[in-house]
């Protein structure tokens, strides 16, 4: 009498024997090797911002907003200043005087930190230094449209007595071949400030200074966790003035907070290329990029897409080898874990390809 096992083997179909073999292989060579997971959360950028005071003013925003656009009141004030003299210097002096007194109840400095256009500033009777700057430039541009030839731009100035996060935006105009500060908050044109200060950024012409409004709107939106909108605002700011590392760094932070880690890394790298101090953000950015690839790899592994999983684990390994964003001890452990995960992907791919 034949052994029972022999009878069973002869009675099974080819398909059944294949399934039995596959089950046996799965016992002795598991298809899904255990992975070493990195469950860290993405690090959040820690960049100090100017404190924005609470205001009842509702701020709406559009990327097409021109902060220097003039309304009828601004146009009339600038036209009167233009017609007052044939000297651009006198026209500027009259413009700054008339903008101060012809706003509602006079133009006041108000440090509420809500970004405003020139029109909003004149209608609301004041604003912070950036809002007053928008109004001043608006008036200058109206005079230029009438035939004045006033050249200039905007300075971002830090007074040494102020907090590190506070700066002062003020237009400058070229008068008799030299830059003069057209300070609407101060109420006059001056060659310089008596208080000790430094120029943080120079916007070389008035169009590039449109960046400031969109940058501040980006800050305002980001402070309210509206990252998709802040990305749009910062992107517009960069289009007007590409060389501001502050804007690029904050754009990177918004990308980071929205989960677009590769875009965040690119923006951080651009900021660091302009200002070496911004390179302090790069280790965090590269660590986040490693986590980003790790999550893509784990998702692909869960779908049993071993090739995509292996590629993303390899990307994470390459970031570590190129930029070394971890301490030596942590780096060694992470590289070991990644090599384990890459081997698991390769092992599972071989099993999958070997199956009938």
Protein backbone atom coordinates (compact mmCIF):
# COMPACT_ATOMS: atom_id res chain seq x y z
CA UNK A 1 0.00 0.00 0.00
CA UNK A 2 1.42 3.35 -1.05
CA UNK A 3 2.14 5.92 1.65
CA UNK A 4 -0.72 8.36 2.23
CA UNK A 5 1.53 11.35 1.43
CA UNK A 6 2.43 9.83 -1.96
CA UNK A 7 -1.22 9.33 -2.81
CA UNK A 8 -1.94 12.93 -1.82
CA UNK A 9 0.88 14.27 -3.93
CA UNK A 10 -0.22 12.30 -7.00
CA UNK A 11 -3.82 13.41 -6.56
CA UNK A 12 -3.09 17.16 -6.36
CA UNK A 13 -3.21 19.32 -9.46
CA UNK A 14 -0.25 21.34 -10.72
CA UNK A 15 -1.96 24.54 -9.48
CA UNK A 16 -2.43 23.08 -6.00
CA UNK A 17 1.21 22.00 -5.79
CA UNK A 18 2.27 25.53 -6.79
CA UNK A 19 0.14 27.10 -4.09
CA UNK A 20 1.55 24.65 -1.52
CA UNK A 21 5.08 25.53 -2.58
CA UNK A 22 4.34 29.24 -2.29
CA UNK A 23 2.94 28.75 1.20
CA UNK A 24 6.01 26.79 2.20
CA UNK A 25 8.27 29.55 0.87
CA UNK A 26 6.30 32.14 2.79
CA UNK A 27 6.94 30.23 6.00
CA UNK A 28 10.68 29.84 5.54
CA UNK A 29 11.33 33.09 3.55
CA UNK A 30 8.66 35.67 4.53
CA UNK A 31 7.75 38.02 1.69
CA UNK A 32 7.26 40.95 4.05
CA UNK A 33 10.41 41.42 6.04
CA UNK A 34 10.06 43.68 9.04
CA UNK A 35 11.07 47.29 8.44
CA UNK A 36 12.78 49.71 10.74
CA UNK A 37 10.38 52.66 10.95
CA UNK A 38 11.22 56.29 11.65
CA UNK A 39 8.07 57.66 13.26
CA UNK A 40 9.42 61.16 13.83
CA UNK A 41 7.21 64.11 12.96
CA UNK A 42 8.39 66.76 10.54
CA UNK A 43 10.34 69.44 12.38
CA UNK A 44 8.78 72.88 12.34
CA UNK A 45 10.90 75.94 11.49
CA UNK A 46 11.49 78.29 14.35
CA UNK A 47 11.74 81.71 12.78
CA UNK A 48 10.87 84.78 14.87
CA UNK A 49 8.35 87.10 13.31
CA UNK A 50 7.29 90.61 14.26
CA UNK A 51 4.46 90.51 16.79
CA UNK A 52 1.21 91.38 15.06
CA UNK A 53 -1.25 93.15 17.27
CA UNK A 54 -4.92 92.24 17.23
CA UNK A 55 -7.03 94.50 15.06
CA UNK A 56 -10.68 94.63 14.10
CA UNK A 57 -9.72 95.49 10.54
CA UNK A 58 -10.55 92.66 8.14
CA UNK A 59 -7.71 91.91 5.74
CA UNK A 60 -8.53 90.50 2.32
CA UNK A 61 -5.84 89.53 -0.15
CA UNK A 62 -5.33 88.94 -3.83
CA UNK A 63 -2.05 88.15 -5.55
CA UNK A 64 -2.98 90.74 -8.21
CA UNK A 65 -3.10 93.58 -5.67
CA UNK A 66 -0.95 96.58 -6.52
CA UNK A 67 -0.15 98.24 -3.18
CA UNK A 68 0.81 101.49 -4.97
CA UNK A 69 -2.45 101.92 -6.87
CA UNK A 70 -3.87 105.42 -6.41
CA UNK A 71 -7.48 106.48 -5.90
CA UNK A 72 -9.00 109.86 -6.66
CA UNK A 73 -7.84 111.43 -3.41
CA UNK A 74 -4.21 110.32 -3.80
CA UNK A 75 -4.22 111.39 -7.44
CA UNK A 76 -5.54 114.85 -6.56
CA UNK A 77 -2.97 115.37 -3.77
CA UNK A 78 -0.10 114.28 -6.03
CA UNK A 79 -1.40 116.39 -8.93
CA UNK A 80 -1.54 119.49 -6.72
CA UNK A 81 2.02 118.82 -5.52
CA UNK A 82 3.23 118.34 -9.10
CA UNK A 83 1.62 121.60 -10.23
CA UNK A 84 3.06 123.54 -7.28
CA UNK A 85 6.55 123.83 -8.76
CA UNK A 86 8.86 122.87 -11.58
CA UNK A 87 11.41 121.58 -9.04
CA UNK A 88 11.07 117.91 -8.16
CA UNK A 89 12.51 118.59 -4.72
CA UNK A 90 9.84 121.18 -3.99
CA UNK A 91 7.17 118.89 -5.42
CA UNK A 92 8.31 116.12 -3.06
CA UNK A 93 8.26 118.45 -0.05
CA UNK A 94 4.76 119.58 -0.91
CA UNK A 95 3.63 115.99 -1.53
CA UNK A 96 4.79 114.80 1.87
CA UNK A 97 3.18 117.80 3.58
CA UNK A 98 -0.17 117.37 1.79
CA UNK A 99 -0.33 113.59 2.32
CA UNK A 100 0.10 114.24 6.03
CA UNK A 101 -2.77 116.72 6.37
CA UNK A 102 -5.27 115.61 3.72
CA UNK A 103 -5.99 112.15 5.04
CA UNK A 104 -9.10 111.77 7.26
CA UNK A 105 -8.37 113.93 10.32
CA UNK A 106 -4.72 113.91 9.34
CA UNK A 107 -2.52 110.92 8.63
CA UNK A 108 -1.44 108.99 11.72
CA UNK A 109 1.15 106.32 12.39
CA UNK A 110 -0.66 103.29 13.75
CA UNK A 111 1.34 100.19 14.63
CA UNK A 112 -1.45 97.65 14.14
CA UNK A 113 0.68 95.57 11.74
CA UNK A 114 -2.15 94.87 9.32
CA UNK A 115 -0.78 95.13 5.76
CA UNK A 116 -2.49 97.93 3.86
CA UNK A 117 -2.35 99.30 0.34
CA UNK A 118 -1.94 102.99 -0.39
CA UNK A 119 -5.70 103.36 -0.89
CA UNK A 120 -6.52 101.62 2.39
CA UNK A 121 -3.98 103.78 4.20
CA UNK A 122 -5.41 107.07 2.96
CA UNK A 123 -8.99 105.94 3.57
CA UNK A 124 -8.27 104.68 7.09
CA UNK A 125 -6.18 107.70 8.00
CA UNK A 126 -2.89 105.95 8.63
CA UNK A 127 -1.11 102.70 9.26
CA UNK A 128 2.30 101.29 10.11
CA UNK A 129 5.53 102.24 8.36
CA UNK A 130 4.96 99.84 5.44
CA UNK A 131 1.46 101.18 4.85
CA UNK A 132 2.77 104.76 4.90
CA UNK A 133 5.53 103.72 2.51
CA UNK A 134 2.93 102.36 0.07
CA UNK A 135 1.05 105.66 0.21
CA UNK A 136 4.22 107.73 -0.28
CA UNK A 137 5.34 105.69 -3.30
CA UNK A 138 1.84 105.87 -4.75
CA UNK A 139 1.98 109.66 -4.68
CA UNK A 140 5.47 109.74 -6.21
CA UNK A 141 4.39 107.45 -9.04
CA UNK A 142 1.39 109.68 -9.80
CA UNK A 143 3.74 112.67 -10.10
CA UNK A 144 6.02 110.67 -12.38
CA UNK A 145 3.04 109.83 -14.58
CA UNK A 146 2.45 113.57 -14.93
CA UNK A 147 6.00 114.23 -16.06
CA UNK A 148 8.21 114.29 -12.97
CA UNK A 149 11.41 112.29 -13.21
CA UNK A 150 11.81 111.12 -9.63
CA UNK A 151 14.01 108.07 -9.22
CA UNK A 152 14.34 106.02 -6.08
CA UNK A 153 13.39 102.85 -4.26
CA UNK A 154 12.82 101.63 -0.72
CA UNK A 155 15.11 100.84 2.20
CA UNK A 156 14.38 98.28 4.89
CA UNK A 157 16.09 99.77 7.94
CA UNK A 158 16.72 98.40 11.40
CA UNK A 159 17.16 100.82 14.27
CA UNK A 160 19.70 99.47 16.71
CA UNK A 161 17.45 100.29 19.66
CA UNK A 162 14.60 98.15 18.26
CA UNK A 163 13.93 94.44 18.63
CA UNK A 164 15.80 92.26 16.15
CA UNK A 165 12.56 91.30 14.41
CA UNK A 166 11.41 94.88 13.78
CA UNK A 167 12.41 96.85 10.69
CA UNK A 168 11.32 100.14 9.16
CA UNK A 169 10.32 100.52 5.50
CA UNK A 170 10.96 103.96 4.02
CA UNK A 171 11.15 105.23 0.42
CA UNK A 172 14.26 106.99 -0.76
CA UNK A 173 14.37 109.47 -3.63
CA UNK A 174 17.35 110.73 -5.59
CA UNK A 175 17.66 114.48 -5.07
CA UNK A 176 20.62 116.33 -6.59
CA UNK A 177 22.31 113.01 -7.21
CA UNK A 178 22.04 111.73 -3.63
CA UNK A 179 19.47 109.48 -1.92
CA UNK A 180 17.11 111.23 0.52
CA UNK A 181 14.66 109.50 2.84
CA UNK A 182 11.04 110.35 2.04
CA UNK A 183 9.63 109.47 5.47
CA UNK A 184 5.89 110.06 5.68
CA UNK A 185 5.89 108.94 9.31
CA UNK A 186 8.53 111.53 10.14
CA UNK A 187 6.79 114.09 7.94
CA UNK A 188 9.79 115.35 6.03
CA UNK A 189 12.62 114.49 3.66
CA UNK A 190 15.97 113.85 5.37
CA UNK A 191 19.42 112.75 4.29
CA UNK A 192 19.69 110.24 7.14
CA UNK A 193 18.37 109.42 10.61
CA UNK A 194 20.10 110.69 13.71
CA UNK A 195 19.39 107.41 15.49
CA UNK A 196 21.89 104.61 14.95
CA UNK A 197 20.62 102.22 12.29
CA UNK A 198 21.61 99.85 9.51
CA UNK A 199 20.12 99.16 6.08
CA UNK A 200 18.95 95.55 5.93
CA UNK A 201 17.72 95.53 2.35
CA UNK A 202 17.69 97.91 -0.59
CA UNK A 203 14.90 97.72 -3.15
CA UNK A 204 16.59 99.49 -6.06
CA UNK A 205 13.44 100.85 -7.67
CA UNK A 206 9.77 101.36 -6.87
CA UNK A 207 8.41 98.30 -8.75
CA UNK A 208 10.65 95.93 -6.78
CA UNK A 209 9.32 97.41 -3.53
CA UNK A 210 5.89 95.96 -4.29
CA UNK A 211 7.45 92.82 -2.84
CA UNK A 212 7.17 94.26 0.68
CA UNK A 213 3.36 94.30 0.72
CA UNK A 214 3.09 90.72 -0.55
CA UNK A 215 5.80 89.58 1.88
CA UNK A 216 3.89 91.08 4.79
CA UNK A 217 0.65 89.51 3.57
CA UNK A 218 2.52 86.20 3.46
CA UNK A 219 3.54 86.71 7.10
CA UNK A 220 -0.03 87.66 8.06
CA UNK A 221 -1.50 84.59 6.36
CA UNK A 222 1.16 82.25 7.70
CA UNK A 223 0.56 83.48 11.25
CA UNK A 224 -3.03 82.29 10.77
CA UNK A 225 -1.95 78.88 9.42
CA UNK A 226 -3.22 79.70 5.92
CA UNK A 227 -0.18 78.14 4.33
CA UNK A 228 -1.51 77.69 0.79
CA UNK A 229 -2.36 81.42 0.68
CA UNK A 230 0.93 82.44 2.29
CA UNK A 231 2.83 80.42 -0.33
CA UNK A 232 1.00 82.39 -3.05
CA UNK A 233 1.83 85.69 -1.35
CA UNK A 234 5.51 84.87 -0.83
CA UNK A 235 5.79 83.60 -4.40
CA UNK A 236 4.48 86.93 -5.72
CA UNK A 237 6.89 88.76 -3.42
CA UNK A 238 9.81 86.76 -4.84
CA UNK A 239 8.67 87.57 -8.39
CA UNK A 240 9.06 91.30 -7.67
CA UNK A 241 12.31 90.96 -5.72
CA UNK A 242 14.07 87.59 -5.96
CA UNK A 243 17.01 88.48 -3.73
CA UNK A 244 15.36 88.64 -0.30
CA UNK A 245 16.49 85.69 1.87
CA UNK A 246 13.84 86.58 4.49
CA UNK A 247 11.04 86.00 1.97
CA UNK A 248 12.60 82.79 0.65
CA UNK A 249 13.07 81.45 4.18
CA UNK A 250 9.47 82.19 5.11
CA UNK A 251 8.31 80.69 1.81
CA UNK A 252 10.27 77.58 2.76
CA UNK A 253 8.61 77.51 6.18
CA UNK A 254 5.15 77.66 4.60
CA UNK A 255 6.05 74.87 2.20
CA UNK A 256 7.34 72.86 5.15
CA UNK A 257 4.17 73.41 7.17
CA UNK A 258 2.00 72.47 4.19
CA UNK A 259 3.90 69.18 3.71
CA UNK A 260 5.70 70.04 0.46
CA UNK A 261 9.14 69.17 1.84
CA UNK A 262 11.10 69.13 -1.46
CA UNK A 263 9.88 72.65 -2.27
CA UNK A 264 10.81 73.75 1.25
CA UNK A 265 14.35 72.43 0.82
CA UNK A 266 14.77 74.25 -2.51
CA UNK A 267 13.62 77.55 -0.99
CA UNK A 268 15.87 77.12 2.06
CA UNK A 269 18.82 76.44 -0.24
CA UNK A 270 18.03 79.62 -2.24
CA UNK A 271 17.84 81.64 0.98
CA UNK A 272 21.15 80.25 2.23
CA UNK A 273 22.83 81.09 -1.09
CA UNK A 274 21.85 84.74 -0.55
CA UNK A 275 22.52 84.92 3.18
CA UNK A 276 24.84 82.38 4.86
CA UNK A 277 23.04 82.87 8.18
CA UNK A 278 19.98 81.23 6.63
CA UNK A 279 22.00 78.02 6.30
CA UNK A 280 21.12 77.35 9.93
CA UNK A 281 17.75 76.08 8.66
CA UNK A 282 19.26 73.53 6.30
CA UNK A 283 19.95 70.64 8.70
CA UNK A 284 16.30 70.69 9.77
CA UNK A 285 15.23 70.86 6.12
CA UNK A 286 17.39 67.90 5.14
CA UNK A 287 16.17 65.86 8.11
CA UNK A 288 12.61 66.55 7.03
CA UNK A 289 13.53 65.52 3.49
CA UNK A 290 14.79 62.18 4.82
CA UNK A 291 11.48 61.68 6.63
CA UNK A 292 9.59 62.69 3.50
CA UNK A 293 11.31 59.99 1.44
CA UNK A 294 10.87 57.51 4.28
CA UNK A 295 7.10 58.07 4.27
CA UNK A 296 6.91 57.66 0.51
CA UNK A 297 8.88 54.45 0.82
CA UNK A 298 6.65 53.07 3.57
CA UNK A 299 3.53 53.84 1.56
CA UNK A 300 5.00 52.08 -1.49
CA UNK A 301 6.05 49.13 0.69
CA UNK A 302 2.51 48.85 1.97
CA UNK A 303 1.31 48.60 -1.65
CA UNK A 304 4.01 45.97 -2.27
CA UNK A 305 5.60 48.26 -4.82
CA UNK A 306 9.09 47.18 -3.84
CA UNK A 307 10.88 49.14 -6.59
CA UNK A 308 9.41 52.52 -5.60
CA UNK A 309 9.98 51.75 -1.92
CA UNK A 310 13.63 50.91 -2.56
CA UNK A 311 14.13 54.08 -4.64
CA UNK A 312 12.79 56.33 -1.86
CA UNK A 313 14.80 54.62 0.88
CA UNK A 314 17.84 55.13 -1.36
CA UNK A 315 16.94 58.83 -1.76
CA UNK A 316 16.83 59.19 2.03
CA UNK A 317 20.22 57.48 2.33
CA UNK A 318 21.69 59.76 -0.35
CA UNK A 319 20.50 62.90 1.48
CA UNK A 320 22.23 61.75 4.65
CA UNK A 321 25.46 60.87 2.82
CA UNK A 322 25.55 64.19 0.97
CA UNK A 323 24.48 66.67 3.67
CA UNK A 324 25.09 64.87 7.02
CA UNK A 325 22.18 66.56 8.85
CA UNK A 326 22.45 64.26 11.90
CA UNK A 327 25.06 63.73 14.57
CA UNK A 328 27.58 60.97 13.71
CA UNK A 329 25.96 58.47 16.09
CA UNK A 330 22.43 59.09 14.80
CA UNK A 331 23.66 59.10 11.21
CA UNK A 332 25.27 55.68 11.59
CA UNK A 333 22.08 54.18 13.03
CA UNK A 334 19.86 55.73 10.37
CA UNK A 335 22.09 54.54 7.55
CA UNK A 336 22.07 51.05 9.02
CA UNK A 337 18.28 51.11 9.22
CA UNK A 338 17.99 52.33 5.65
CA UNK A 339 20.29 49.62 4.34
CA UNK A 340 18.12 47.06 6.16
CA UNK A 341 14.98 48.48 4.55
CA UNK A 342 16.59 48.56 1.10
CA UNK A 343 17.59 44.91 1.50
CA UNK A 344 14.03 44.03 2.54
CA UNK A 345 12.70 45.67 -0.63
CA UNK A 346 15.20 43.79 -2.78
CA UNK A 347 14.42 40.48 -1.03
CA UNK A 348 10.69 40.88 -1.51
CA UNK A 349 11.12 41.87 -5.16
CA UNK A 350 13.17 38.72 -5.78
CA UNK A 351 10.50 36.53 -4.15
CA UNK A 352 7.78 38.21 -6.16
CA UNK A 353 9.66 37.69 -9.44
CA UNK A 354 10.44 34.05 -8.58
CA UNK A 355 6.82 33.06 -8.05
CA UNK A 356 5.02 31.29 -10.88
